[in-house]
């Protein structure tokens, strides 16, 4: 019995199992800051998605692939794109920037075949800088790995 429980503990969780695809991170900037930070944000969004894909043993879907297949990026089109890739699960992430200090992450883990929500997470993080985004990606990765 102990051997079975040990083997069960080694199995990946819902978010980490094979067949997870991570879509590009979207950013909604409502901070109205005067400084153009689009280059820094694009870099942070890429790093965030790459970190989660690596942490959860997922496959990253490139922004170029999404733009080619789903120019309007509707949920239905994105789910069809994931289904065409034979994805089991899709990870959708939107970051809303309220100010330089406060950002919020909205994350949906979807069952692609059943077209159903597996998990939804909303997290706040501090600091619109590389370190703040790195910490948030690590924290979200831990949250998603803990799903059963």
C-alpha atoms as a PDB file:
ATOM      1  CA  UNK A   1       0.000   0.000   0.000  1.00  0.00           C
ATOM      2  CA  UNK A   2       2.822   2.418   0.864  1.00  0.00           C
ATOM      3  CA  UNK A   3       4.384   1.739  -2.525  1.00  0.00           C
ATOM      4  CA  UNK A   4       1.134   2.609  -4.270  1.00  0.00           C
ATOM      5  CA  UNK A   5       0.788   5.877  -2.324  1.00  0.00           C
ATOM      6  CA  UNK A   6       4.404   6.770  -3.074  1.00  0.00           C
ATOM      7  CA  UNK A   7       3.870   6.117  -6.784  1.00  0.00           C
ATOM      8  CA  UNK A   8       0.655   8.147  -6.691  1.00  0.00           C
ATOM      9  CA  UNK A   9       2.506  11.068  -5.095  1.00  0.00           C
ATOM     10  CA  UNK A  10       4.973  11.064  -7.975  1.00  0.00           C
ATOM     11  CA  UNK A  11       2.254  11.464 -10.587  1.00  0.00           C
ATOM     12  CA  UNK A  12       1.981  14.961 -12.027  1.00  0.00           C
ATOM     13  CA  UNK A  13      -0.971  17.115 -11.011  1.00  0.00           C
ATOM     14  CA  UNK A  14      -3.622  18.354 -13.419  1.00  0.00           C
ATOM     15  CA  UNK A  15      -1.594  21.373 -14.428  1.00  0.00           C
ATOM     16  CA  UNK A  16       1.701  19.515 -14.851  1.00  0.00           C
ATOM     17  CA  UNK A  17       0.568  16.450 -16.743  1.00  0.00           C
ATOM     18  CA  UNK A  18       1.498  15.915 -20.368  1.00  0.00           C
ATOM     19  CA  UNK A  19      -0.610  17.844 -22.870  1.00  0.00           C
ATOM     20  CA  UNK A  20      -0.543  21.283 -21.214  1.00  0.00           C
ATOM     21  CA  UNK A  21      -0.179  24.231 -23.586  1.00  0.00           C
ATOM     22  CA  UNK A  22       0.590  27.719 -22.274  1.00  0.00           C
ATOM     23  CA  UNK A  23      -0.794  30.582 -24.336  1.00  0.00           C
ATOM     24  CA  UNK A  24       1.031  33.922 -24.499  1.00  0.00           C
ATOM     25  CA  UNK A  25       0.450  36.158 -21.487  1.00  0.00           C
ATOM     26  CA  UNK A  26      -1.814  39.102 -22.260  1.00  0.00           C
ATOM     27  CA  UNK A  27      -1.386  42.480 -20.555  1.00  0.00           C
ATOM     28  CA  UNK A  28      -4.104  45.013 -19.840  1.00  0.00           C
ATOM     29  CA  UNK A  29      -2.381  48.226 -18.757  1.00  0.00           C
ATOM     30  CA  UNK A  30      -4.837  50.577 -17.055  1.00  0.00           C
ATOM     31  CA  UNK A  31      -2.154  52.535 -15.182  1.00  0.00           C
ATOM     32  CA  UNK A  32      -2.132  55.495 -17.586  1.00  0.00           C
ATOM     33  CA  UNK A  33       1.596  55.953 -17.029  1.00  0.00           C
ATOM     34  CA  UNK A  34       3.207  58.393 -19.445  1.00  0.00           C
ATOM     35  CA  UNK A  35       6.321  56.295 -20.086  1.00  0.00           C
ATOM     36  CA  UNK A  36       6.059  53.753 -22.929  1.00  0.00           C
ATOM     37  CA  UNK A  37       6.946  50.412 -21.370  1.00  0.00           C
ATOM     38  CA  UNK A  38       5.741  48.179 -24.204  1.00  0.00           C
ATOM     39  CA  UNK A  39       9.189  46.674 -24.861  1.00  0.00           C
ATOM     40  CA  UNK A  40       9.817  45.859 -21.184  1.00  0.00           C
ATOM     41  CA  UNK A  41       6.292  44.483 -20.803  1.00  0.00           C
ATOM     42  CA  UNK A  42       6.623  42.272 -23.899  1.00  0.00           C
ATOM     43  CA  UNK A  43       9.886  40.879 -22.507  1.00  0.00           C
ATOM     44  CA  UNK A  44       8.292  40.229 -19.094  1.00  0.00           C
ATOM     45  CA  UNK A  45       5.221  38.607 -20.636  1.00  0.00           C
ATOM     46  CA  UNK A  46       7.439  36.225 -22.655  1.00  0.00           C
ATOM     47  CA  UNK A  47       9.575  35.391 -19.617  1.00  0.00           C
ATOM     48  CA  UNK A  48       6.450  34.796 -17.493  1.00  0.00           C
ATOM     49  CA  UNK A  49       4.965  32.348 -20.023  1.00  0.00           C
ATOM     50  CA  UNK A  50       8.325  30.616 -20.540  1.00  0.00           C
ATOM     51  CA  UNK A  51       8.780  30.221 -16.791  1.00  0.00           C
ATOM     52  CA  UNK A  52       5.331  28.662 -16.345  1.00  0.00           C
ATOM     53  CA  UNK A  53       5.744  26.358 -19.346  1.00  0.00           C
ATOM     54  CA  UNK A  54       9.069  25.119 -17.957  1.00  0.00           C
ATOM     55  CA  UNK A  55       7.761  24.854 -14.392  1.00  0.00           C
ATOM     56  CA  UNK A  56       4.639  22.912 -15.407  1.00  0.00           C
ATOM     57  CA  UNK A  57       6.240  20.788 -18.159  1.00  0.00           C
ATOM     58  CA  UNK A  58       4.016  22.545 -20.674  1.00  0.00           C
ATOM     59  CA  UNK A  59       4.433  23.573 -24.280  1.00  0.00           C
ATOM     60  CA  UNK A  60       4.565  27.269 -25.058  1.00  0.00           C
ATOM     61  CA  UNK A  61       2.363  28.567 -27.883  1.00  0.00           C
ATOM     62  CA  UNK A  62       4.123  31.463 -29.607  1.00  0.00           C
ATOM     63  CA  UNK A  63       2.466  34.863 -30.032  1.00  0.00           C
ATOM     64  CA  UNK A  64       3.131  34.581 -33.777  1.00  0.00           C
ATOM     65  CA  UNK A  65       1.253  31.288 -33.936  1.00  0.00           C
ATOM     66  CA  UNK A  66      -1.703  32.799 -32.078  1.00  0.00           C
ATOM     67  CA  UNK A  67      -1.702  35.882 -34.339  1.00  0.00           C
ATOM     68  CA  UNK A  68      -1.692  33.713 -37.481  1.00  0.00           C
ATOM     69  CA  UNK A  69      -4.439  31.341 -36.320  1.00  0.00           C
ATOM     70  CA  UNK A  70      -6.581  33.720 -34.239  1.00  0.00           C
ATOM     71  CA  UNK A  71      -6.152  37.367 -35.255  1.00  0.00           C
ATOM     72  CA  UNK A  72      -9.054  38.453 -33.012  1.00  0.00           C
ATOM     73  CA  UNK A  73      -7.941  36.095 -30.215  1.00  0.00           C
ATOM     74  CA  UNK A  74     -11.451  35.015 -29.309  1.00  0.00           C
ATOM     75  CA  UNK A  75     -11.740  32.272 -26.678  1.00  0.00           C
ATOM     76  CA  UNK A  76     -13.409  29.927 -29.190  1.00  0.00           C
ATOM     77  CA  UNK A  77     -10.612  30.367 -31.718  1.00  0.00           C
ATOM     78  CA  UNK A  78      -7.914  29.899 -29.066  1.00  0.00           C
ATOM     79  CA  UNK A  79      -9.596  26.708 -27.843  1.00  0.00           C
ATOM     80  CA  UNK A  80      -9.786  25.468 -31.456  1.00  0.00           C
ATOM     81  CA  UNK A  81      -6.074  26.221 -31.869  1.00  0.00           C
ATOM     82  CA  UNK A  82      -5.294  24.187 -28.751  1.00  0.00           C
ATOM     83  CA  UNK A  83      -7.538  21.340 -29.923  1.00  0.00           C
ATOM     84  CA  UNK A  84      -5.727  21.299 -33.283  1.00  0.00           C
ATOM     85  CA  UNK A  85      -2.497  20.814 -31.331  1.00  0.00           C
ATOM     86  CA  UNK A  86      -4.078  17.855 -29.470  1.00  0.00           C
ATOM     87  CA  UNK A  87      -3.749  19.735 -26.187  1.00  0.00           C
ATOM     88  CA  UNK A  88      -5.392  18.225 -23.137  1.00  0.00           C
ATOM     89  CA  UNK A  89      -5.261  21.472 -21.158  1.00  0.00           C
ATOM     90  CA  UNK A  90      -4.726  25.125 -21.998  1.00  0.00           C
ATOM     91  CA  UNK A  91      -3.438  27.825 -19.674  1.00  0.00           C
ATOM     92  CA  UNK A  92      -4.825  31.329 -20.280  1.00  0.00           C
ATOM     93  CA  UNK A  93      -3.173  34.216 -18.411  1.00  0.00           C
ATOM     94  CA  UNK A  94      -4.043  37.916 -18.309  1.00  0.00           C
ATOM     95  CA  UNK A  95      -2.109  40.437 -16.234  1.00  0.00           C
ATOM     96  CA  UNK A  96      -3.797  43.732 -15.387  1.00  0.00           C
ATOM     97  CA  UNK A  97      -1.518  46.583 -14.417  1.00  0.00           C
ATOM     98  CA  UNK A  98      -3.262  49.143 -12.211  1.00  0.00           C
ATOM     99  CA  UNK A  99      -0.115  51.055 -11.302  1.00  0.00           C
ATOM    100  CA  UNK A 100       3.642  50.615 -11.087  1.00  0.00           C
ATOM    101  CA  UNK A 101       3.101  48.988  -7.725  1.00  0.00           C
ATOM    102  CA  UNK A 102      -0.013  46.841  -8.186  1.00  0.00           C
ATOM    103  CA  UNK A 103      -0.679  44.147 -10.783  1.00  0.00           C
ATOM    104  CA  UNK A 104      -3.230  41.350 -10.840  1.00  0.00           C
ATOM    105  CA  UNK A 105      -3.080  37.983 -12.611  1.00  0.00           C
ATOM    106  CA  UNK A 106      -6.186  36.207 -13.889  1.00  0.00           C
ATOM    107  CA  UNK A 107      -5.486  32.587 -14.808  1.00  0.00           C
ATOM    108  CA  UNK A 108      -7.765  29.951 -16.287  1.00  0.00           C
ATOM    109  CA  UNK A 109      -6.728  26.335 -16.711  1.00  0.00           C
ATOM    110  CA  UNK A 110      -9.061  24.791 -19.285  1.00  0.00           C
ATOM    111  CA  UNK A 111      -9.848  21.208 -20.247  1.00  0.00           C
ATOM    112  CA  UNK A 112      -9.603  21.552 -24.021  1.00  0.00           C
ATOM    113  CA  UNK A 113     -11.475  18.384 -24.991  1.00  0.00           C
ATOM    114  CA  UNK A 114     -14.381  18.940 -22.572  1.00  0.00           C
ATOM    115  CA  UNK A 115     -14.295  22.740 -23.114  1.00  0.00           C
ATOM    116  CA  UNK A 116     -14.572  23.233 -19.343  1.00  0.00           C
ATOM    117  CA  UNK A 117     -12.812  25.269 -16.710  1.00  0.00           C
ATOM    118  CA  UNK A 118     -10.548  23.172 -14.474  1.00  0.00           C
ATOM    119  CA  UNK A 119      -9.274  25.977 -12.249  1.00  0.00           C
ATOM    120  CA  UNK A 120      -9.344  29.754 -11.969  1.00  0.00           C
ATOM    121  CA  UNK A 121      -6.829  31.789  -9.990  1.00  0.00           C
ATOM    122  CA  UNK A 122      -6.657  35.522  -9.286  1.00  0.00           C
ATOM    123  CA  UNK A 123      -3.437  36.724  -7.722  1.00  0.00           C
ATOM    124  CA  UNK A 124      -2.068  40.159  -6.895  1.00  0.00           C
ATOM    125  CA  UNK A 125       1.597  40.966  -7.088  1.00  0.00           C
ATOM    126  CA  UNK A 126       3.709  43.987  -6.374  1.00  0.00           C
ATOM    127  CA  UNK A 127       6.210  45.650  -8.637  1.00  0.00           C
ATOM    128  CA  UNK A 128       6.125  46.166 -12.388  1.00  0.00           C
ATOM    129  CA  UNK A 129       9.737  45.082 -12.744  1.00  0.00           C
ATOM    130  CA  UNK A 130      11.598  41.927 -13.749  1.00  0.00           C
ATOM    131  CA  UNK A 131      11.876  40.625 -10.178  1.00  0.00           C
ATOM    132  CA  UNK A 132       8.184  41.206  -9.404  1.00  0.00           C
ATOM    133  CA  UNK A 133       7.115  39.322 -12.532  1.00  0.00           C
ATOM    134  CA  UNK A 134       9.617  36.489 -11.803  1.00  0.00           C
ATOM    135  CA  UNK A 135       8.310  36.023  -8.266  1.00  0.00           C
ATOM    136  CA  UNK A 136       4.710  36.062  -9.499  1.00  0.00           C
ATOM    137  CA  UNK A 137       5.450  33.385 -12.122  1.00  0.00           C
ATOM    138  CA  UNK A 138       7.101  31.144  -9.523  1.00  0.00           C
ATOM    139  CA  UNK A 139       4.199  31.612  -7.099  1.00  0.00           C
ATOM    140  CA  UNK A 140       1.571  30.907  -9.759  1.00  0.00           C
ATOM    141  CA  UNK A 141       3.524  27.835 -10.876  1.00  0.00           C
ATOM    142  CA  UNK A 142       3.441  26.496  -7.305  1.00  0.00           C
ATOM    143  CA  UNK A 143      -0.298  27.202  -7.066  1.00  0.00           C
ATOM    144  CA  UNK A 144      -0.998  25.324 -10.291  1.00  0.00           C
ATOM    145  CA  UNK A 145       1.259  22.372  -9.406  1.00  0.00           C
ATOM    146  CA  UNK A 146      -0.751  21.881  -6.207  1.00  0.00           C
ATOM    147  CA  UNK A 147      -3.998  21.262  -8.109  1.00  0.00           C
ATOM    148  CA  UNK A 148      -5.170  17.656  -7.844  1.00  0.00           C
END
